[in-house]
N, C-alpha and C. Protein backbone atom coordinates (compact mmCIF):
# COMPACT_ATOMS: atom_id res chain seq x y z
N MET A 1 98.80 35.53 61.70
CA MET A 1 97.89 35.50 62.82
C MET A 1 98.52 34.79 64.01
N ILE A 2 99.38 33.78 63.73
CA ILE A 2 100.05 33.06 64.81
C ILE A 2 100.97 34.00 65.56
N ALA A 3 101.67 34.89 64.83
CA ALA A 3 102.57 35.84 65.48
C ALA A 3 101.81 36.77 66.41
N VAL A 4 100.62 37.18 66.02
CA VAL A 4 99.81 38.06 66.87
C VAL A 4 99.40 37.33 68.14
N ALA A 5 98.95 36.07 68.00
CA ALA A 5 98.55 35.31 69.17
C ALA A 5 99.73 35.06 70.09
N ARG A 6 100.88 34.77 69.50
CA ARG A 6 102.08 34.55 70.29
C ARG A 6 102.47 35.82 71.03
N ARG A 7 102.42 36.94 70.32
CA ARG A 7 102.76 38.21 70.96
C ARG A 7 101.77 38.52 72.09
N ALA A 8 100.50 38.22 71.87
CA ALA A 8 99.49 38.48 72.90
C ALA A 8 99.79 37.67 74.15
N ARG A 9 100.22 36.42 73.99
CA ARG A 9 100.56 35.61 75.16
C ARG A 9 101.77 36.19 75.89
N ILE A 10 102.76 36.63 75.12
CA ILE A 10 103.95 37.23 75.74
C ILE A 10 103.57 38.50 76.49
N VAL A 11 102.76 39.33 75.86
CA VAL A 11 102.32 40.58 76.48
C VAL A 11 101.48 40.28 77.72
N ALA A 12 100.61 39.28 77.65
CA ALA A 12 99.77 38.94 78.79
C ALA A 12 100.63 38.50 79.96
N ALA A 13 101.65 37.70 79.71
CA ALA A 13 102.53 37.26 80.78
C ALA A 13 103.25 38.45 81.41
N ALA A 14 103.71 39.36 80.58
CA ALA A 14 104.38 40.56 81.09
C ALA A 14 103.40 41.42 81.88
N LEU A 15 102.18 41.53 81.38
CA LEU A 15 101.17 42.33 82.08
C LEU A 15 100.89 41.77 83.46
N LEU A 16 100.77 40.45 83.57
CA LEU A 16 100.51 39.86 84.87
C LEU A 16 101.63 40.20 85.85
N GLY A 17 102.86 40.22 85.36
CA GLY A 17 103.97 40.62 86.21
C GLY A 17 103.88 42.07 86.62
N LEU A 18 103.51 42.95 85.69
CA LEU A 18 103.36 44.37 86.00
C LEU A 18 102.25 44.60 87.01
N VAL A 19 101.13 43.93 86.82
CA VAL A 19 99.98 44.13 87.70
C VAL A 19 100.28 43.59 89.09
N ALA A 20 100.95 42.46 89.16
CA ALA A 20 101.29 41.89 90.46
C ALA A 20 102.19 42.85 91.25
N ALA A 21 103.00 43.62 90.55
CA ALA A 21 103.90 44.55 91.21
C ALA A 21 103.25 45.89 91.54
N SER A 22 102.06 46.16 91.00
CA SER A 22 101.43 47.45 91.23
C SER A 22 100.50 47.40 92.43
N PRO A 23 100.52 48.44 93.27
CA PRO A 23 99.64 48.44 94.43
C PRO A 23 98.20 48.68 94.01
N ALA A 24 97.29 47.91 94.57
CA ALA A 24 95.86 48.10 94.27
C ALA A 24 95.05 47.59 95.44
N SER A 25 93.93 48.23 95.67
CA SER A 25 93.01 47.76 96.70
C SER A 25 92.18 46.64 96.11
N PRO A 26 91.41 45.92 96.93
CA PRO A 26 90.60 44.83 96.38
C PRO A 26 89.71 45.32 95.24
N ALA A 27 89.60 44.51 94.19
CA ALA A 27 88.88 44.91 92.98
C ALA A 27 87.42 45.23 93.25
N SER A 28 86.81 44.53 94.20
CA SER A 28 85.39 44.78 94.47
C SER A 28 85.15 46.16 95.03
N ALA A 29 86.14 46.70 95.75
CA ALA A 29 85.98 48.02 96.35
C ALA A 29 86.65 49.11 95.53
N ALA A 30 87.40 48.72 94.53
CA ALA A 30 88.18 49.69 93.76
C ALA A 30 87.41 50.21 92.56
N GLU A 31 87.77 51.40 92.16
CA GLU A 31 87.26 51.96 90.92
C GLU A 31 88.20 51.53 89.80
N TRP A 32 87.64 51.06 88.70
CA TRP A 32 88.45 50.60 87.58
C TRP A 32 88.78 51.77 86.67
N HIS A 33 89.98 51.73 86.08
CA HIS A 33 90.45 52.78 85.19
C HIS A 33 90.89 52.15 83.86
N ALA A 34 90.90 52.94 82.82
CA ALA A 34 91.31 52.47 81.50
C ALA A 34 92.37 53.38 80.93
N ALA A 35 93.27 52.78 80.16
CA ALA A 35 94.28 53.53 79.42
C ALA A 35 94.35 52.93 78.02
N THR A 36 94.40 53.79 77.01
CA THR A 36 94.42 53.35 75.62
C THR A 36 95.69 53.83 74.94
N THR A 37 96.33 52.92 74.21
CA THR A 37 97.49 53.28 73.39
C THR A 37 97.16 52.88 71.95
N ALA A 38 98.13 52.95 71.08
CA ALA A 38 97.89 52.62 69.67
C ALA A 38 97.43 51.18 69.48
N HIS A 39 97.88 50.26 70.33
CA HIS A 39 97.55 48.85 70.14
C HIS A 39 96.84 48.20 71.32
N PHE A 40 96.76 48.87 72.44
CA PHE A 40 96.21 48.25 73.65
C PHE A 40 95.16 49.12 74.32
N VAL A 41 94.22 48.45 74.98
CA VAL A 41 93.30 49.09 75.92
C VAL A 41 93.43 48.28 77.20
N LEU A 42 93.88 48.91 78.26
CA LEU A 42 94.13 48.25 79.53
C LEU A 42 93.13 48.72 80.57
N TYR A 43 92.46 47.78 81.23
CA TYR A 43 91.55 48.07 82.33
C TYR A 43 92.15 47.50 83.61
N SER A 44 92.15 48.30 84.67
CA SER A 44 92.73 47.85 85.94
C SER A 44 92.18 48.69 87.10
N PRO A 45 92.11 48.10 88.29
CA PRO A 45 91.73 48.88 89.46
C PRO A 45 92.92 49.60 90.11
N ALA A 46 94.08 49.52 89.48
CA ALA A 46 95.25 50.23 90.00
C ALA A 46 95.03 51.74 89.87
N ALA A 47 95.90 52.52 90.47
CA ALA A 47 95.81 53.98 90.39
C ALA A 47 95.86 54.41 88.93
N PRO A 48 95.12 55.46 88.56
CA PRO A 48 95.06 55.90 87.15
C PRO A 48 96.43 56.10 86.51
N ASP A 49 97.37 56.72 87.23
CA ASP A 49 98.69 56.94 86.64
C ASP A 49 99.44 55.62 86.45
N SER A 50 99.21 54.64 87.31
CA SER A 50 99.83 53.32 87.15
C SER A 50 99.28 52.61 85.93
N VAL A 51 97.97 52.74 85.68
CA VAL A 51 97.35 52.10 84.52
C VAL A 51 97.93 52.70 83.24
N VAL A 52 98.06 54.01 83.19
CA VAL A 52 98.65 54.67 82.02
C VAL A 52 100.09 54.22 81.83
N HIS A 53 100.85 54.14 82.92
CA HIS A 53 102.25 53.72 82.85
C HIS A 53 102.34 52.28 82.34
N MET A 54 101.49 51.38 82.84
CA MET A 54 101.50 49.99 82.38
C MET A 54 101.16 49.89 80.90
N ALA A 55 100.16 50.67 80.45
CA ALA A 55 99.77 50.64 79.04
C ALA A 55 100.92 51.14 78.15
N ARG A 56 101.59 52.18 78.57
CA ARG A 56 102.73 52.68 77.80
C ARG A 56 103.86 51.66 77.76
N ASP A 57 104.09 50.97 78.89
CA ASP A 57 105.11 49.92 78.91
C ASP A 57 104.76 48.79 77.94
N LEU A 58 103.49 48.42 77.88
CA LEU A 58 103.06 47.39 76.94
C LEU A 58 103.30 47.84 75.50
N GLU A 59 103.01 49.09 75.21
CA GLU A 59 103.21 49.63 73.87
C GLU A 59 104.69 49.60 73.51
N ARG A 60 105.55 49.99 74.45
CA ARG A 60 106.99 49.94 74.19
C ARG A 60 107.46 48.51 73.95
N MET A 61 106.91 47.56 74.73
CA MET A 61 107.27 46.17 74.54
C MET A 61 106.83 45.68 73.17
N ALA A 62 105.63 46.06 72.74
CA ALA A 62 105.14 45.67 71.41
C ALA A 62 106.04 46.24 70.31
N GLU A 63 106.49 47.47 70.49
CA GLU A 63 107.39 48.09 69.51
C GLU A 63 108.72 47.35 69.47
N LEU A 64 109.22 46.97 70.64
CA LEU A 64 110.47 46.22 70.71
C LEU A 64 110.33 44.87 70.01
N LEU A 65 109.24 44.15 70.29
CA LEU A 65 109.01 42.86 69.64
C LEU A 65 108.88 43.01 68.13
N ALA A 66 108.16 44.04 67.70
CA ALA A 66 108.00 44.28 66.26
C ALA A 66 109.35 44.59 65.61
N GLY A 67 110.18 45.34 66.32
CA GLY A 67 111.51 45.67 65.81
C GLY A 67 112.40 44.44 65.67
N GLU A 68 112.11 43.40 66.44
CA GLU A 68 112.87 42.16 66.37
C GLU A 68 112.22 41.15 65.42
N GLY A 69 111.19 41.60 64.70
CA GLY A 69 110.54 40.74 63.72
C GLY A 69 109.50 39.79 64.31
N MET A 70 109.06 40.03 65.54
CA MET A 70 108.09 39.14 66.18
C MET A 70 106.68 39.70 66.20
N GLY A 71 106.44 40.79 65.54
CA GLY A 71 105.11 41.38 65.53
C GLY A 71 104.46 41.30 64.16
N SER A 72 103.23 41.73 64.10
CA SER A 72 102.50 41.76 62.84
C SER A 72 103.02 42.90 61.98
N THR A 73 103.07 42.66 60.68
CA THR A 73 103.48 43.72 59.75
C THR A 73 102.28 44.43 59.15
N SER A 74 101.08 43.99 59.51
CA SER A 74 99.86 44.59 59.00
C SER A 74 99.69 46.00 59.56
N LEU A 75 99.25 46.92 58.72
CA LEU A 75 99.00 48.28 59.18
C LEU A 75 97.69 48.38 59.95
N VAL A 76 96.77 47.46 59.66
CA VAL A 76 95.47 47.46 60.34
C VAL A 76 95.43 46.27 61.29
N ARG A 77 95.40 46.55 62.57
CA ARG A 77 95.35 45.49 63.57
C ARG A 77 94.29 45.85 64.60
N PRO A 78 93.56 44.85 65.06
CA PRO A 78 92.60 45.14 66.13
C PRO A 78 93.36 45.40 67.44
N HIS A 79 92.72 46.15 68.31
CA HIS A 79 93.31 46.39 69.63
C HIS A 79 93.37 45.10 70.43
N VAL A 80 94.31 45.07 71.36
CA VAL A 80 94.36 44.02 72.37
C VAL A 80 93.80 44.64 73.63
N PHE A 81 92.69 44.09 74.13
CA PHE A 81 92.06 44.57 75.36
C PHE A 81 92.53 43.70 76.50
N LEU A 82 93.09 44.32 77.53
CA LEU A 82 93.61 43.58 78.68
C LEU A 82 92.85 43.99 79.93
N ILE A 83 92.40 42.99 80.67
CA ILE A 83 91.73 43.24 81.93
C ILE A 83 92.67 42.72 83.01
N ALA A 84 93.21 43.63 83.79
CA ALA A 84 94.24 43.29 84.77
C ALA A 84 93.63 43.21 86.17
N PHE A 85 93.36 42.00 86.60
CA PHE A 85 92.84 41.79 87.95
C PHE A 85 94.00 41.85 88.93
N PRO A 86 93.80 42.45 90.10
CA PRO A 86 94.91 42.62 91.03
C PRO A 86 95.32 41.33 91.74
N ASP A 87 94.43 40.35 91.78
CA ASP A 87 94.77 39.10 92.45
C ASP A 87 93.85 37.98 91.96
N ARG A 88 94.19 36.76 92.33
CA ARG A 88 93.43 35.58 91.89
C ARG A 88 92.00 35.62 92.41
N GLN A 89 91.80 36.08 93.63
CA GLN A 89 90.47 36.11 94.24
C GLN A 89 89.50 36.99 93.44
N SER A 90 89.95 38.14 92.98
CA SER A 90 89.07 39.03 92.21
C SER A 90 88.84 38.51 90.79
N PHE A 91 89.76 37.69 90.28
CA PHE A 91 89.62 37.12 88.94
C PHE A 91 88.71 35.88 88.94
N GLU A 92 88.66 35.18 90.05
CA GLU A 92 87.93 33.90 90.13
C GLU A 92 86.49 33.95 89.64
N PRO A 93 85.67 34.95 90.01
CA PRO A 93 84.28 34.97 89.53
C PRO A 93 84.14 35.10 88.01
N HIS A 94 85.20 35.46 87.32
CA HIS A 94 85.15 35.67 85.88
C HIS A 94 85.73 34.49 85.10
N GLN A 95 86.14 33.46 85.80
CA GLN A 95 86.68 32.27 85.14
C GLN A 95 85.54 31.37 84.66
N PRO A 96 85.77 30.66 83.55
CA PRO A 96 84.71 29.79 83.03
C PRO A 96 84.42 28.62 83.96
N MET A 97 83.22 28.09 83.84
CA MET A 97 82.81 26.93 84.64
C MET A 97 83.19 25.64 83.92
N GLN A 98 83.65 24.66 84.69
CA GLN A 98 83.92 23.32 84.18
C GLN A 98 83.39 22.32 85.20
N ASN A 99 82.44 21.49 84.79
CA ASN A 99 81.82 20.50 85.68
C ASN A 99 81.25 21.14 86.94
N GLY A 100 80.62 22.29 86.78
CA GLY A 100 79.98 22.96 87.90
C GLY A 100 80.90 23.73 88.82
N LYS A 101 82.18 23.78 88.51
CA LYS A 101 83.15 24.51 89.34
C LYS A 101 83.91 25.49 88.46
N ARG A 102 84.43 26.53 89.08
CA ARG A 102 85.25 27.50 88.36
C ARG A 102 86.58 26.85 87.98
N ALA A 103 86.99 27.06 86.75
CA ALA A 103 88.29 26.56 86.29
C ALA A 103 89.39 27.33 87.01
N ARG A 104 90.46 26.66 87.32
CA ARG A 104 91.61 27.31 87.98
C ARG A 104 92.59 27.75 86.89
N LEU A 105 92.38 28.95 86.38
CA LEU A 105 93.20 29.48 85.30
C LEU A 105 93.98 30.69 85.77
N ALA A 106 95.16 30.89 85.22
CA ALA A 106 95.92 32.10 85.51
C ALA A 106 95.43 33.25 84.64
N GLY A 107 94.75 32.92 83.54
CA GLY A 107 94.22 33.91 82.62
C GLY A 107 93.74 33.22 81.37
N TYR A 108 93.07 33.94 80.52
CA TYR A 108 92.65 33.39 79.24
C TYR A 108 92.46 34.49 78.22
N ALA A 109 92.41 34.08 76.96
CA ALA A 109 92.29 35.04 75.86
C ALA A 109 91.13 34.66 74.96
N GLU A 110 90.49 35.66 74.40
CA GLU A 110 89.39 35.48 73.46
C GLU A 110 89.65 36.40 72.27
N SER A 111 89.73 35.83 71.08
CA SER A 111 89.95 36.64 69.88
C SER A 111 88.63 36.83 69.14
N THR A 112 88.36 38.05 68.75
CA THR A 112 87.17 38.39 67.97
C THR A 112 87.63 39.25 66.79
N PRO A 113 86.78 39.45 65.80
CA PRO A 113 87.15 40.34 64.69
C PRO A 113 87.40 41.78 65.15
N TYR A 114 86.90 42.13 66.32
CA TYR A 114 87.01 43.51 66.82
C TYR A 114 88.18 43.73 67.74
N GLY A 115 88.85 42.66 68.14
CA GLY A 115 89.99 42.79 69.03
C GLY A 115 90.24 41.52 69.79
N HIS A 116 91.35 41.49 70.48
CA HIS A 116 91.73 40.34 71.29
C HIS A 116 91.55 40.72 72.76
N TRP A 117 90.82 39.90 73.50
CA TRP A 117 90.57 40.15 74.93
C TRP A 117 91.39 39.20 75.76
N ILE A 118 92.15 39.74 76.70
CA ILE A 118 92.97 38.93 77.59
C ILE A 118 92.64 39.32 79.02
N GLY A 119 92.35 38.34 79.84
CA GLY A 119 92.02 38.59 81.25
C GLY A 119 92.85 37.75 82.16
């Protein structure tokens, strides 16, 4: 389970880099799109073809990590759900509250029996 969490953090960091490089209009005005692969479900306001491309890149990265012995060997794994906000401003309303103020986080993860959510 530690390897899965570690891989999720690595993938999340890579995703943030991919999203930062992808053109997108402000999230509030944008239509969100989803792309699903064998291990990931990616939501983003980026262009539909960019979302599919990012999801495929994540899948290739997961395969590479697994090939290097850094992935789960289990045949049954929950999906990793990624919500890719285009910028800090659009992510801010979704950050948890601490002492009455929004926490200043670059992202966070929530693991459930049904999948891992990373935002």
